[in-house]
Protein backbone atom coordinates (compact mmCIF):
# COMPACT_ATOMS: atom_id res chain seq x y z
CA UNK A 1 103.08 97.45 59.02
CA UNK A 2 102.59 93.68 58.67
CA UNK A 3 101.73 91.33 61.54
CA UNK A 4 105.17 89.77 61.10
CA UNK A 5 106.82 93.14 61.52
CA UNK A 6 104.66 93.90 64.57
CA UNK A 7 105.68 90.65 66.21
CA UNK A 8 109.33 91.47 65.65
CA UNK A 9 109.11 94.78 67.53
CA UNK A 10 109.53 94.97 71.27
CA UNK A 11 107.27 96.88 73.64
CA UNK A 12 110.09 99.36 74.04
CA UNK A 13 110.06 99.98 70.27
CA UNK A 14 106.34 100.67 70.41
CA UNK A 15 106.83 103.04 73.34
CA UNK A 16 109.46 104.87 71.35
CA UNK A 17 107.14 105.16 68.37
CA UNK A 18 104.32 106.48 70.55
CA UNK A 19 106.67 109.15 71.88
CA UNK A 20 107.53 110.23 68.36
CA UNK A 21 110.81 108.35 67.97
CA UNK A 22 110.17 107.38 64.37
CA UNK A 23 113.81 107.56 63.36
CA UNK A 24 114.84 105.03 65.98
CA UNK A 25 111.93 102.82 64.99
CA UNK A 26 112.95 103.01 61.35
CA UNK A 27 116.47 101.95 62.26
CA UNK A 28 115.13 98.98 64.21
CA UNK A 29 112.84 97.76 61.42
CA UNK A 30 115.50 98.31 58.76
CA UNK A 31 118.06 96.30 60.70
CA UNK A 32 115.51 93.53 61.20
CA UNK A 33 114.72 93.40 57.48
CA UNK A 34 118.41 92.89 56.63
CA UNK A 35 119.09 90.03 59.04
CA UNK A 36 119.62 87.57 56.17
CA UNK A 37 122.23 89.80 54.52
CA UNK A 38 124.34 91.07 57.42
CA UNK A 39 125.06 90.57 61.10
CA UNK A 40 122.28 92.15 63.22
CA UNK A 41 123.17 95.40 64.95
CA UNK A 42 122.88 95.76 68.70
CA UNK A 43 119.47 96.99 69.82
CA UNK A 44 119.34 100.76 70.13
CA UNK A 45 118.26 101.91 73.59
CA UNK A 46 115.69 104.69 73.15
CA UNK A 47 116.03 107.89 75.10
CA UNK A 48 114.24 107.72 78.44
CA UNK A 49 113.44 110.94 80.21
CA UNK A 50 113.30 110.46 83.97
CA UNK A 51 112.27 113.46 86.02
CA UNK A 52 114.23 114.18 89.16
CA UNK A 53 112.23 112.87 92.09
CA UNK A 54 109.81 111.06 89.77
CA UNK A 55 106.58 110.05 91.51
CA UNK A 56 103.79 107.59 90.77
CA UNK A 57 101.46 110.53 90.26
CA UNK A 58 102.37 113.99 89.02
CA UNK A 59 102.17 117.01 91.26
CA UNK A 60 99.31 119.15 89.93
CA UNK A 61 100.24 122.76 89.20
CA UNK A 62 98.33 125.78 87.95
CA UNK A 63 97.20 129.33 88.66
CA UNK A 64 93.38 129.09 88.61
CA UNK A 65 92.43 126.64 91.36
CA UNK A 66 93.08 123.11 92.62
CA UNK A 67 90.80 120.68 94.49
CA UNK A 68 92.08 117.58 96.28
CA UNK A 69 89.68 115.12 97.89
CA UNK A 70 88.83 111.51 98.58
CA UNK A 71 87.05 110.65 95.34
CA UNK A 72 86.72 112.05 91.86
CA UNK A 73 83.06 112.97 92.46
CA UNK A 74 84.01 115.44 95.21
CA UNK A 75 86.88 116.85 93.15
CA UNK A 76 84.55 117.30 90.16
CA UNK A 77 81.96 119.11 92.30
CA UNK A 78 84.56 121.51 93.67
CA UNK A 79 86.11 122.12 90.27
CA UNK A 80 82.67 122.83 88.80
CA UNK A 81 82.06 125.55 91.39
CA UNK A 82 85.48 127.12 90.77
CA UNK A 83 84.65 127.26 87.06
CA UNK A 84 81.33 128.93 87.89
CA UNK A 85 83.21 131.74 89.64
CA UNK A 86 83.25 130.46 93.19
CA UNK A 87 86.20 130.75 95.52
CA UNK A 88 88.01 128.06 97.54
CA UNK A 89 85.35 128.01 100.26
CA UNK A 90 82.48 127.75 97.78
CA UNK A 91 84.28 124.89 96.03
CA UNK A 92 85.23 123.21 99.30
CA UNK A 93 81.67 123.26 100.60
CA UNK A 94 80.38 121.84 97.31
CA UNK A 95 82.98 119.06 97.51
CA UNK A 96 81.98 118.27 101.11
CA UNK A 97 78.32 117.90 100.15
CA UNK A 98 79.29 115.73 97.18
CA UNK A 99 81.43 113.53 99.43
CA UNK A 100 78.50 113.13 101.83
CA UNK A 101 76.58 111.56 98.95
CA UNK A 102 79.29 109.48 97.27
CA UNK A 103 81.66 108.50 100.11
CA UNK A 104 79.01 107.21 102.50
CA UNK A 105 81.27 104.40 103.71
CA UNK A 106 83.51 107.12 105.20
CA UNK A 107 81.35 110.20 105.63
CA UNK A 108 77.63 110.80 105.76
CA UNK A 109 75.23 113.74 105.68
CA UNK A 110 74.61 113.41 109.43
CA UNK A 111 78.31 113.52 110.27
CA UNK A 112 80.79 116.23 111.18
CA UNK A 113 83.15 118.49 109.23
CA UNK A 114 85.79 120.50 111.15
CA UNK A 115 87.15 123.14 108.77
CA UNK A 116 89.99 125.67 108.66
CA UNK A 117 89.71 128.58 106.23
CA UNK A 118 92.25 131.19 105.15
CA UNK A 119 90.74 134.43 103.83
CA UNK A 120 93.40 135.85 101.51
CA UNK A 121 91.85 139.33 101.30
CA UNK A 122 91.52 139.75 105.08
CA UNK A 123 94.71 137.70 105.70
CA UNK A 124 92.77 135.91 108.43
CA UNK A 125 92.62 132.25 109.39
CA UNK A 126 89.49 130.86 111.05
CA UNK A 127 88.27 127.53 112.39
CA UNK A 128 84.72 126.26 111.96
CA UNK A 129 84.39 123.69 114.75
CA UNK A 130 82.12 121.36 112.76
CA UNK A 131 82.07 118.72 115.51
CA UNK A 132 78.66 117.81 116.88
CA UNK A 133 77.91 117.56 120.58
CA UNK A 134 76.50 114.78 122.72
CA UNK A 135 72.68 114.66 122.88
CA UNK A 136 70.98 116.07 125.97
CA UNK A 137 70.09 112.59 127.26
CA UNK A 138 73.57 111.14 126.74
CA UNK A 139 75.23 110.60 130.13
CA UNK A 140 77.79 108.02 131.30
CA UNK A 141 75.22 106.05 133.29
CA UNK A 142 73.37 105.22 130.05
CA UNK A 143 76.38 103.14 128.95
CA UNK A 144 77.62 101.88 132.30
CA UNK A 145 76.18 98.39 131.88
CA UNK A 146 77.88 97.88 128.51
CA UNK A 147 81.09 99.50 129.72
CA UNK A 148 81.60 101.21 126.38
CA UNK A 149 79.80 103.59 124.02
CA UNK A 150 78.72 101.88 120.77
CA UNK A 151 80.33 102.91 117.53
CA UNK A 152 77.25 102.56 115.33
CA UNK A 153 73.47 102.57 115.56
CA UNK A 154 70.98 105.03 117.08
CA UNK A 155 73.27 105.71 120.06
CA UNK A 156 76.55 105.99 118.19
CA UNK A 157 76.30 109.60 117.16
CA UNK A 158 76.76 113.19 118.18
CA UNK A 159 74.34 115.81 116.85
CA UNK A 160 74.81 116.21 113.06
CA UNK A 161 77.19 119.12 112.52
CA UNK A 162 78.14 119.05 108.83
CA UNK A 163 75.26 121.13 107.46
CA UNK A 164 75.74 123.81 110.12
CA UNK A 165 79.51 123.86 109.55
CA UNK A 166 79.18 124.28 105.80
CA UNK A 167 76.60 127.05 106.27
CA UNK A 168 78.97 128.85 108.65
CA UNK A 169 81.86 128.41 106.19
CA UNK A 170 79.83 129.91 103.34
CA UNK A 171 78.69 132.84 105.49
CA UNK A 172 82.26 133.44 106.67
CA UNK A 173 84.22 133.29 103.43
CA UNK A 174 82.01 132.14 100.56
CA UNK A 175 80.45 134.05 97.70
CA UNK A 176 77.64 131.66 96.77
CA UNK A 177 74.44 130.34 98.33
CA UNK A 178 73.69 126.89 99.69
CA UNK A 179 71.38 126.33 96.75
CA UNK A 180 74.22 126.93 94.30
CA UNK A 181 76.91 124.83 95.97
CA UNK A 182 74.56 121.92 96.71
CA UNK A 183 73.51 121.35 93.11
CA UNK A 184 76.34 118.90 92.21
CA UNK A 185 75.58 116.84 95.33
CA UNK A 186 71.84 116.82 94.65
CA UNK A 187 72.49 115.51 91.15
CA UNK A 188 74.73 112.80 92.61
CA UNK A 189 72.04 111.83 95.11
CA UNK A 190 69.66 111.42 92.18
CA UNK A 191 72.17 108.87 90.90
CA UNK A 192 75.91 108.28 90.56
CA UNK A 193 77.83 105.40 89.03
CA UNK A 194 78.84 102.97 91.78
CA UNK A 195 82.61 102.52 92.07
CA UNK A 196 84.39 99.33 93.10
CA UNK A 197 85.63 100.31 96.56
CA UNK A 198 82.19 101.40 97.76
CA UNK A 199 80.55 98.38 96.17
CA UNK A 200 82.86 96.13 98.18
CA UNK A 201 81.92 97.96 101.38
CA UNK A 202 78.26 97.36 100.61
CA UNK A 203 79.01 93.64 100.34
CA UNK A 204 80.87 93.54 103.65
CA UNK A 205 78.23 95.52 105.54
CA UNK A 206 74.99 94.03 104.23
CA UNK A 207 74.44 91.76 107.23
CA UNK A 208 75.36 94.43 109.80
CA UNK A 209 73.10 97.00 108.13
CA UNK A 210 70.14 94.60 107.89
CA UNK A 211 69.26 95.20 111.57
CA UNK A 212 68.38 98.83 110.72
CA UNK A 213 65.39 98.78 108.37
CA UNK A 214 65.54 102.37 107.14
CA UNK A 215 69.24 102.03 106.31
CA UNK A 216 68.74 98.67 104.64
CA UNK A 217 65.91 100.02 102.50
CA UNK A 218 68.03 103.03 101.54
CA UNK A 219 71.19 101.15 100.61
CA UNK A 220 69.91 97.69 99.62
CA UNK A 221 66.57 98.39 97.92
CA UNK A 222 64.68 95.14 97.52
CA UNK A 223 67.58 93.38 99.27
CA UNK A 224 69.81 93.88 96.22
CA UNK A 225 73.50 94.71 96.43
CA UNK A 226 74.58 97.80 94.49
CA UNK A 227 77.15 96.75 91.89
CA UNK A 228 80.11 98.48 90.30
CA UNK A 229 79.07 100.36 87.18
CA UNK A 230 75.39 100.58 88.10
CA UNK A 231 73.55 103.81 88.88
CA UNK A 232 73.06 104.13 92.64
CA UNK A 233 70.24 106.40 93.79
CA UNK A 234 69.47 107.92 97.22
CA UNK A 235 66.00 109.36 96.73
CA UNK A 236 65.28 110.19 100.36
CA UNK A 237 68.58 111.99 100.80
CA UNK A 238 68.00 113.87 97.54
CA UNK A 239 64.62 115.04 98.88
CA UNK A 240 66.23 116.20 102.14
CA UNK A 241 68.90 118.12 100.24
CA UNK A 242 66.35 119.75 97.95
CA UNK A 243 64.40 120.94 100.99
CA UNK A 244 67.53 122.73 102.26
CA UNK A 245 68.39 124.19 98.85
CA UNK A 246 64.82 125.34 98.20
CA UNK A 247 64.62 127.11 101.57
CA UNK A 248 67.85 128.93 100.74
CA UNK A 249 66.60 129.83 97.25
CA UNK A 250 63.25 131.11 98.49
CA UNK A 251 64.85 133.28 101.13
CA UNK A 252 67.38 134.71 98.69
CA UNK A 253 64.68 135.45 96.12
CA UNK A 254 62.76 137.35 98.78
CA UNK A 255 65.54 139.23 100.56
CA UNK A 256 68.61 139.17 98.23
CA UNK A 257 70.57 138.66 101.45
CA UNK A 258 73.00 135.77 100.82
CA UNK A 259 73.88 135.14 104.45
CA UNK A 260 70.27 135.24 105.58
CA UNK A 261 69.36 132.81 102.80
CA UNK A 262 72.10 130.41 103.90
CA UNK A 263 70.71 130.58 107.44
CA UNK A 264 67.23 129.77 106.15
CA UNK A 265 68.56 126.72 104.32
CA UNK A 266 70.52 125.62 107.37
CA UNK A 267 67.45 126.04 109.62
CA UNK A 268 65.37 123.92 107.24
CA UNK A 269 67.55 121.02 108.35
CA UNK A 270 67.86 121.79 112.07
CA UNK A 271 64.52 123.39 112.95
CA UNK A 272 62.02 122.09 110.44
CA UNK A 273 60.36 118.85 109.45
CA UNK A 274 63.68 117.11 108.68
CA UNK A 275 64.85 117.51 112.28
CA UNK A 276 61.47 116.38 113.61
CA UNK A 277 61.63 113.21 111.54
CA UNK A 278 65.22 112.54 112.64
CA UNK A 279 64.28 112.99 116.30
CA UNK A 280 61.21 110.76 115.97
CA UNK A 281 63.21 108.01 114.30
CA UNK A 282 65.92 108.12 116.96
CA UNK A 283 63.37 107.91 119.78
CA UNK A 284 61.55 105.05 118.04
CA UNK A 285 64.79 103.10 117.68
CA UNK A 286 65.92 103.57 121.29
CA UNK A 287 68.34 106.43 120.65
CA UNK A 288 69.03 109.33 122.97
CA UNK A 289 68.84 112.15 120.40
CA UNK A 290 65.71 114.27 120.15
CA UNK A 291 64.38 117.09 117.97
CA UNK A 292 65.47 119.61 120.60
CA UNK A 293 69.10 118.51 120.22
CA UNK A 294 69.02 119.57 116.58
CA UNK A 295 66.88 122.70 116.98
CA UNK A 296 69.18 124.14 119.65
CA UNK A 297 72.49 123.09 118.07
CA UNK A 298 74.81 125.87 116.97
CA UNK A 299 78.41 125.46 115.80
CA UNK A 300 81.23 127.87 116.46
CA UNK A 301 83.80 129.92 114.61
CA UNK A 302 87.03 129.88 116.61
CA UNK A 303 90.68 130.85 116.39
CA UNK A 304 92.77 127.76 115.55
CA UNK A 305 95.76 126.62 117.61
CA UNK A 306 99.15 127.46 116.05
CA UNK A 307 102.82 126.64 116.45
CA UNK A 308 105.80 128.01 114.56
CA UNK A 309 108.16 125.26 113.35
CA UNK A 310 110.97 125.34 110.79
CA UNK A 311 109.94 128.90 109.92
CA UNK A 312 106.31 128.04 109.10
CA UNK A 313 103.08 128.62 111.03
CA UNK A 314 101.07 125.38 111.36
CA UNK A 315 97.42 125.62 112.41
CA UNK A 316 95.09 122.99 113.87
CA UNK A 317 91.68 122.72 115.52
CA UNK A 318 91.42 123.27 119.29
CA UNK A 319 91.88 120.92 122.22
CA UNK A 320 88.43 119.40 121.63
CA UNK A 321 90.27 117.65 118.77
CA UNK A 322 93.51 115.69 118.61
CA UNK A 323 94.98 118.37 116.33
CA UNK A 324 97.24 120.09 118.89
CA UNK A 325 98.97 116.74 119.49
CA UNK A 326 100.54 117.03 116.04
CA UNK A 327 101.74 120.53 116.82
CA UNK A 328 103.25 119.22 120.06
CA UNK A 329 104.94 116.34 118.23
CA UNK A 330 106.40 118.77 115.68
CA UNK A 331 107.67 120.97 118.51
CA UNK A 332 109.29 117.97 120.19
CA UNK A 333 110.88 116.72 116.96
CA UNK A 334 112.23 120.18 116.18
CA UNK A 335 113.67 120.46 119.70
CA UNK A 336 115.25 117.01 119.28
CA UNK A 337 117.20 118.28 116.26
CA UNK A 338 115.36 116.38 113.55
CA UNK A 339 116.19 119.03 110.92
CA UNK A 340 119.83 117.85 111.03
CA UNK A 341 118.93 114.19 110.43
CA UNK A 342 118.59 112.38 107.12
CA UNK A 343 114.91 111.90 106.21
CA UNK A 344 114.01 108.22 106.28
CA UNK A 345 117.07 107.19 108.27
CA UNK A 346 116.81 105.16 111.48
CA UNK A 347 117.65 108.13 113.78
CA UNK A 348 115.06 110.24 111.93
CA UNK A 349 112.26 107.66 112.11
CA UNK A 350 113.10 106.86 115.73
CA UNK A 351 112.79 110.55 116.61
CA UNK A 352 109.50 110.90 114.74
CA UNK A 353 108.04 107.85 116.48
CA UNK A 354 109.15 108.88 119.96
CA UNK A 355 107.89 112.45 119.47
CA UNK A 356 104.50 111.11 118.47
CA UNK A 357 104.34 108.78 121.46
CA UNK A 358 105.06 111.57 123.93
CA UNK A 359 102.59 114.00 122.36
CA UNK A 360 99.75 111.50 121.98
CA UNK A 361 100.11 110.17 125.51
CA UNK A 362 99.53 113.78 126.60
CA UNK A 363 96.56 113.94 124.22
CA UNK A 364 94.87 111.11 126.06
CA UNK A 365 95.73 112.50 129.48
CA UNK A 366 94.85 116.19 129.04
CA UNK A 367 92.70 116.91 125.98
CA UNK A 368 88.96 117.59 126.18
CA UNK A 369 86.36 120.16 125.14
CA UNK A 370 87.59 123.38 126.83
CA UNK A 371 83.96 124.43 127.32
CA UNK A 372 83.73 121.61 129.87
CA UNK A 373 87.29 120.68 130.87
CA UNK A 374 90.25 122.62 132.24
CA UNK A 375 93.04 121.99 129.74
CA UNK A 376 96.64 123.23 130.29
CA UNK A 377 96.73 124.63 126.76
CA UNK A 378 99.55 127.11 127.31
CA UNK A 379 101.77 124.50 128.91
CA UNK A 380 101.09 121.84 126.29
CA UNK A 381 102.02 124.25 123.49
CA UNK A 382 105.06 125.69 125.26
CA UNK A 383 108.38 125.40 123.41
CA UNK A 384 110.09 124.93 126.78
CA UNK A 385 107.79 122.02 127.51
CA UNK A 386 108.59 120.55 124.08
CA UNK A 387 112.32 120.87 124.80
CA UNK A 388 111.87 119.07 128.11
CA UNK A 389 109.91 116.29 126.43
CA UNK A 390 112.54 116.01 123.67
CA UNK A 391 115.15 115.24 126.33
CA UNK A 392 113.09 112.15 127.21
CA UNK A 393 113.87 110.66 123.80
CA UNK A 394 116.63 108.18 124.41
CA UNK A 395 118.53 105.81 122.11
CA UNK A 396 115.94 103.08 122.76
CA UNK A 397 112.20 102.99 122.01
CA UNK A 398 110.06 103.62 125.06
CA UNK A 399 107.60 100.85 125.87
CA UNK A 400 105.91 102.84 128.62
CA UNK A 401 103.28 105.57 128.62
CA UNK A 402 105.08 108.73 129.66
CA UNK A 403 102.70 111.51 130.57
CA UNK A 404 104.24 114.94 131.01
CA UNK A 405 103.47 117.77 133.43
CA UNK A 406 102.38 120.74 131.31
CA UNK A 407 100.90 122.40 134.39
CA UNK A 408 104.41 123.34 135.43
CA UNK A 409 104.61 125.44 132.26
CA UNK A 410 101.29 127.13 133.00
CA UNK A 411 102.68 128.63 136.19
CA UNK A 412 99.98 126.73 138.05
CA UNK A 413 99.56 123.66 140.20
CA UNK A 414 97.31 120.96 138.82
CA UNK A 415 93.84 121.02 140.38
CA UNK A 416 92.00 118.63 138.07
CA UNK A 417 91.54 114.92 138.90
CA UNK A 418 94.34 112.60 137.84
CA UNK A 419 93.18 110.50 134.90
CA UNK A 420 95.08 107.46 133.70
CA UNK A 421 94.16 106.43 130.13
CA UNK A 422 93.41 102.72 129.94
CA UNK A 423 91.99 99.99 127.73
CA UNK A 424 88.39 98.93 128.35
CA UNK A 425 87.35 95.32 128.67
CA UNK A 426 84.25 95.53 126.51
CA UNK A 427 84.80 94.99 122.79
CA UNK A 428 82.31 96.65 120.41
CA UNK A 429 82.59 96.43 116.67
CA UNK A 430 84.99 98.90 115.03
CA UNK A 431 83.60 102.18 113.77
CA UNK A 432 83.79 103.98 110.46
CA UNK A 433 86.23 106.27 108.75
CA UNK A 434 86.82 109.70 107.29
CA UNK A 435 87.72 111.68 104.19
CA UNK A 436 89.50 114.98 103.52
CA UNK A 437 88.99 117.94 101.20
CA UNK A 438 91.56 120.65 100.42
CA UNK A 439 91.13 123.59 98.04
CA UNK A 440 93.19 126.57 96.89
CA UNK A 441 92.02 129.27 94.49
CA UNK A 442 93.71 131.89 92.30
CA UNK A 443 93.55 134.51 95.06
CA UNK A 444 95.27 132.31 97.63
CA UNK A 445 92.20 131.41 99.67
CA UNK A 446 92.65 128.03 101.37
CA UNK A 447 90.05 125.52 102.58
CA UNK A 448 90.85 122.44 104.68
CA UNK A 449 88.08 120.14 105.88
CA UNK A 450 88.10 116.67 107.45
CA UNK A 451 84.53 115.31 107.20
CA UNK A 452 83.61 112.03 108.85
CA UNK A 453 81.12 109.51 110.18
CA UNK A 454 80.31 106.94 107.58
CA UNK A 455 79.56 103.30 108.17
CA UNK A 456 82.48 101.35 106.76
CA UNK A 457 82.37 98.94 109.72
CA UNK A 458 79.43 98.08 111.96
CA UNK A 459 76.56 98.79 109.58
CA UNK A 460 74.76 101.96 108.57
CA UNK A 461 72.07 103.66 110.63
CA UNK A 462 69.76 106.05 108.74
CA UNK A 463 67.27 108.24 110.60
CA UNK A 464 63.83 107.34 109.29
CA UNK A 465 62.92 108.39 105.76
CA UNK A 466 65.30 111.36 105.70
CA UNK A 467 68.07 109.41 103.97
CA UNK A 468 70.51 110.87 106.51
CA UNK A 469 73.07 108.38 107.92
CA UNK A 470 73.89 109.42 111.47
CA UNK A 471 77.23 110.09 113.11
CA UNK A 472 79.28 107.52 115.04
CA UNK A 473 81.54 109.92 116.94
CA UNK A 474 79.99 109.42 120.42
CA UNK A 475 82.25 106.41 120.96
CA UNK A 476 85.28 108.74 121.24
CA UNK A 477 84.09 109.95 124.65
CA UNK A 478 85.43 108.37 127.85
CA UNK A 479 83.17 107.06 130.64
CA UNK A 480 85.71 107.64 133.42
CA UNK A 481 84.61 110.76 135.36
CA UNK A 482 88.27 111.76 135.89
CA UNK A 483 88.85 112.11 132.15
CA UNK A 484 88.74 115.59 130.61
CA UNK A 485 87.02 113.80 127.72
CA UNK A 486 84.25 112.22 129.81
CA UNK A 487 80.82 112.10 128.17
CA UNK A 488 78.47 114.98 129.02
CA UNK A 489 75.37 116.43 127.32
CA UNK A 490 76.21 119.26 124.93
CA UNK A 491 79.95 118.44 124.95
CA UNK A 492 82.18 117.79 121.96
CA UNK A 493 84.15 114.51 122.01
CA UNK A 494 87.91 114.79 121.61
CA UNK A 495 87.56 114.05 117.93
CA UNK A 496 90.31 112.59 115.78
CA UNK A 497 89.19 114.79 112.87
CA UNK A 498 92.05 117.10 112.10
CA UNK A 499 92.14 119.64 109.25
CA UNK A 500 95.50 121.36 108.87
CA UNK A 501 96.76 124.58 107.40
CA UNK A 502 100.23 126.09 106.98
CA UNK A 503 101.16 129.74 106.40
CA UNK A 504 104.57 131.18 105.62
CA UNK A 505 105.08 134.62 107.17
CA UNK A 506 101.33 135.15 107.13
CA UNK A 507 100.96 134.14 103.47
CA UNK A 508 99.02 131.04 102.30
CA UNK A 509 101.19 127.96 101.91
CA UNK A 510 99.37 124.64 102.34
CA UNK A 511 96.04 123.01 103.21
CA UNK A 512 96.46 119.33 104.06
CA UNK A 513 94.39 116.50 105.53
CA UNK A 514 93.73 112.77 105.56
CA UNK A 515 91.39 110.07 106.82
CA UNK A 516 92.72 107.57 109.35
CA UNK A 517 91.33 108.13 112.86
CA UNK A 518 94.22 108.17 115.33
CA UNK A 519 96.57 107.96 112.33
CA UNK A 520 95.52 111.30 110.84
CA UNK A 521 97.94 113.64 112.55
CA UNK A 522 100.77 111.14 112.48
CA UNK A 523 100.48 110.86 108.71
CA UNK A 524 100.18 114.60 108.17
CA UNK A 525 103.30 114.99 110.33
CA UNK A 526 105.16 112.42 108.19
CA UNK A 527 104.50 114.60 105.15
CA UNK A 528 104.92 118.04 106.74
CA UNK A 529 108.34 117.21 108.13
CA UNK A 530 109.63 116.42 104.65
CA UNK A 531 108.06 119.54 103.13
CA UNK A 532 108.74 122.08 105.88
CA UNK A 533 112.05 120.90 107.33
CA UNK A 534 113.65 119.57 104.15
CA UNK A 535 111.93 121.38 101.28
CA UNK A 536 110.90 118.20 99.47
CA UNK A 537 108.34 118.45 96.63
CA UNK A 538 104.77 117.97 97.81
CA UNK A 539 103.87 114.85 95.83
CA UNK A 540 107.21 113.21 96.59
CA UNK A 541 106.69 113.87 100.31
CA UNK A 542 103.20 112.36 100.12
CA UNK A 543 104.46 109.21 98.42
CA UNK A 544 107.52 108.75 100.66
CA UNK A 545 107.52 105.65 102.93
CA UNK A 546 105.62 106.15 106.19
CA UNK A 547 105.54 104.98 109.78
CA UNK A 548 102.61 104.96 112.19
CA UNK A 549 102.69 104.37 115.94
CA UNK A 550 100.10 102.23 117.73
CA UNK A 551 101.79 102.83 121.08
CA UNK A 552 99.27 105.14 122.73
CA UNK A 553 95.66 104.38 123.69
CA UNK A 554 93.32 104.70 120.71
CA UNK A 555 90.30 106.98 120.56
CA UNK A 556 87.56 104.52 119.65
CA UNK A 557 85.68 101.76 121.43
CA UNK A 558 87.89 99.99 123.93
CA UNK A 559 90.77 102.53 123.65
CA UNK A 560 93.32 99.82 122.91
CA UNK A 561 97.05 100.46 123.11
CA UNK A 562 100.01 98.51 121.67
CA UNK A 563 103.14 99.72 123.50
CA UNK A 564 106.14 100.02 121.21
CA UNK A 565 104.33 98.82 118.08
CA UNK A 566 105.35 100.78 115.00
CA UNK A 567 103.76 100.17 111.62
CA UNK A 568 106.27 100.65 108.83
CA UNK A 569 106.00 100.31 105.06
CA UNK A 570 108.34 97.76 103.50
CA UNK A 571 109.87 100.36 101.17
CA UNK A 572 111.88 101.49 104.18
CA UNK A 573 115.23 99.74 103.60
CA UNK A 574 115.87 96.54 105.52
CA UNK A 575 118.97 98.02 107.16
CA UNK A 576 116.87 100.87 108.57
CA UNK A 577 114.24 98.43 109.81
CA UNK A 578 116.92 96.30 111.45
CA UNK A 579 118.28 99.40 113.21
CA UNK A 580 114.82 100.35 114.48
CA UNK A 581 114.27 96.81 115.74
CA UNK A 582 117.60 96.97 117.57
CA UNK A 583 116.38 100.19 119.19
CA UNK A 584 113.42 98.29 120.63
CA UNK A 585 110.62 99.23 118.23
CA UNK A 586 108.17 96.38 117.61
CA UNK A 587 107.84 96.63 113.86
CA UNK A 588 104.65 95.70 112.05
CA UNK A 589 105.87 95.62 108.45
CA UNK A 590 103.18 96.57 105.93
CA UNK A 591 103.03 96.64 102.15
CA UNK A 592 104.70 99.36 100.06
CA UNK A 593 101.82 101.87 100.39
CA UNK A 594 99.79 100.21 103.12
CA UNK A 595 99.66 102.59 106.09
CA UNK A 596 95.99 103.43 106.61
CA UNK A 597 95.93 106.98 105.30
CA UNK A 598 95.13 109.05 102.22
CA UNK A 599 96.81 112.45 102.27
CA UNK A 600 95.50 115.23 100.03
CA UNK A 601 96.97 118.72 99.88
CA UNK A 602 96.80 121.98 97.95
CA UNK A 603 98.70 125.21 98.34
CA UNK A 604 100.58 128.22 97.05
CA UNK A 605 104.20 128.17 95.92
CA UNK A 606 106.15 130.93 97.72
CA UNK A 607 107.69 133.50 95.40
CA UNK A 608 105.87 132.64 92.19
CA UNK A 609 102.42 132.59 93.79
CA UNK A 610 101.42 129.69 91.55
CA UNK A 611 99.37 126.79 92.85
CA UNK A 612 100.12 123.12 93.50
CA UNK A 613 98.35 120.04 94.77
CA UNK A 614 99.05 116.42 95.56
CA UNK A 615 97.09 113.26 96.32
CA UNK A 616 98.05 109.99 97.94
CA UNK A 617 98.30 106.75 95.98
CA UNK A 618 97.11 105.18 99.23
CA UNK A 619 93.30 104.89 99.21
CA UNK A 620 92.95 106.15 95.65
CA UNK A 621 92.87 109.89 96.45
CA UNK A 622 92.17 112.46 93.71
CA UNK A 623 93.41 115.95 92.80
CA UNK A 624 92.67 118.16 89.83
CA UNK A 625 93.01 121.79 88.80
CA UNK A 626 95.02 124.15 86.67
């Protein structure tokens, strides 16, 4: 074809040719060649196939296994383990370790990783707490002068819980050793190609990180900024990871006992030289954590909290997390009749927002680590309580904090101190973020993990020469002694980290999660409502326009609230936004996919038993499998 002919063809003609429409192309070129002899024919519109409910990304389907995560590196690590014969837990753990290496702006090796696992063979669902506790020296008086707990630095973190949680997950439902599942992450620590998003974080946090020498040396060697496309190496972290893997390998070689080998690898981190170096660095830098905090730390395997809505069983972490607030909000929305409303309409979005506000006000009032606080768990999860709260949803948006009385549904009188959530005056720098990893395998095993504690804002803090960036979850605690979430040694903060799992009549259905702090459960609820109550396709539900309430007091730093403020993406029609404004919502209109979230999900299709997965276009999430 000549250049003249090329110039005469439209982009649509080329698209048609690429799709195999050679006949139509021939007609177009023939007509063009005869323009001097006859009147030109009207342009032929090529056939365009538009799938019903077309999305920006396809929903991934298959029958072997699917991994959905924050970045392609984590997805690749999980997929690699599935191909090597591992199950969903093996793959999920591998993806978590890979994310700890490659998503350090959002999640680090010294962070936390609450996890829910469904064992398809045993038909059992379990929760690995994965949330570290406050160090033994961490008491409210240590932060009284500042009036707030810092979000970064040597005193920003709970005891590292991720390694313990992943060891527990492997022992519970895995088939491989730590040595095996850590190999992709170790290779990534030896060097991975820097991607643009992380490179931009490095630019923004260079000054903040410069006050912590070990972190600066680890992430800005020689004072140089890592650049997109360059190989980025974390030699100290790679050495730490190899120590864990080698301890596991040596123990397995000696005993052939997989679970004992995993424990040996786990103990190499918490009871050996790594922990001693972490403790020494923290003490040197004025932190409250010591070697003994790591050597005595032990995570838990628990039964998750569940509610039955729209015929599905939805599971979350316990009341030491914000997870049950989503279950409460779903209960309230169901009681308010949301299943009869049009998804995306003003009445629907109003009901979603008001349900969230009621549930999350109760979160701030009543939630705390049940090992330390008396929580009215039965009352909070009661359907009768949800129905009573649903009646509080009026035609107008509430601008007040409305705390309920779940004690009345416990059959008890409240005996705990009255705590009123409030905003603090001090104003520390914001903290970091989170990621999410969801896996399903051919047997129907499900894995849902929400790992966190990176250093996206406020600068990185790395403990000595271990290469381990420490947690920043301590800032979630309250300092008010009346709060069920008040800081105490050995206590878990009421974390925002919130893995989710859904079963249908006891069968695996969906694993779903997202980053986003206080937004996490709101965004998961946005998606679950569309999938569970209305049967919408997974990817379409993920991409649908979202709302996010800032009404209640936040979890971090100064615990700020913004009564009545509702973030809303501008793809929501103007008429709907006008209606919500008339109802009293204070709309903060964002871009088309701009709510701070990044949903990923995998699951099993009822009936066929085939697999599916989806990933948000927000925050560049990834999913792959077959």
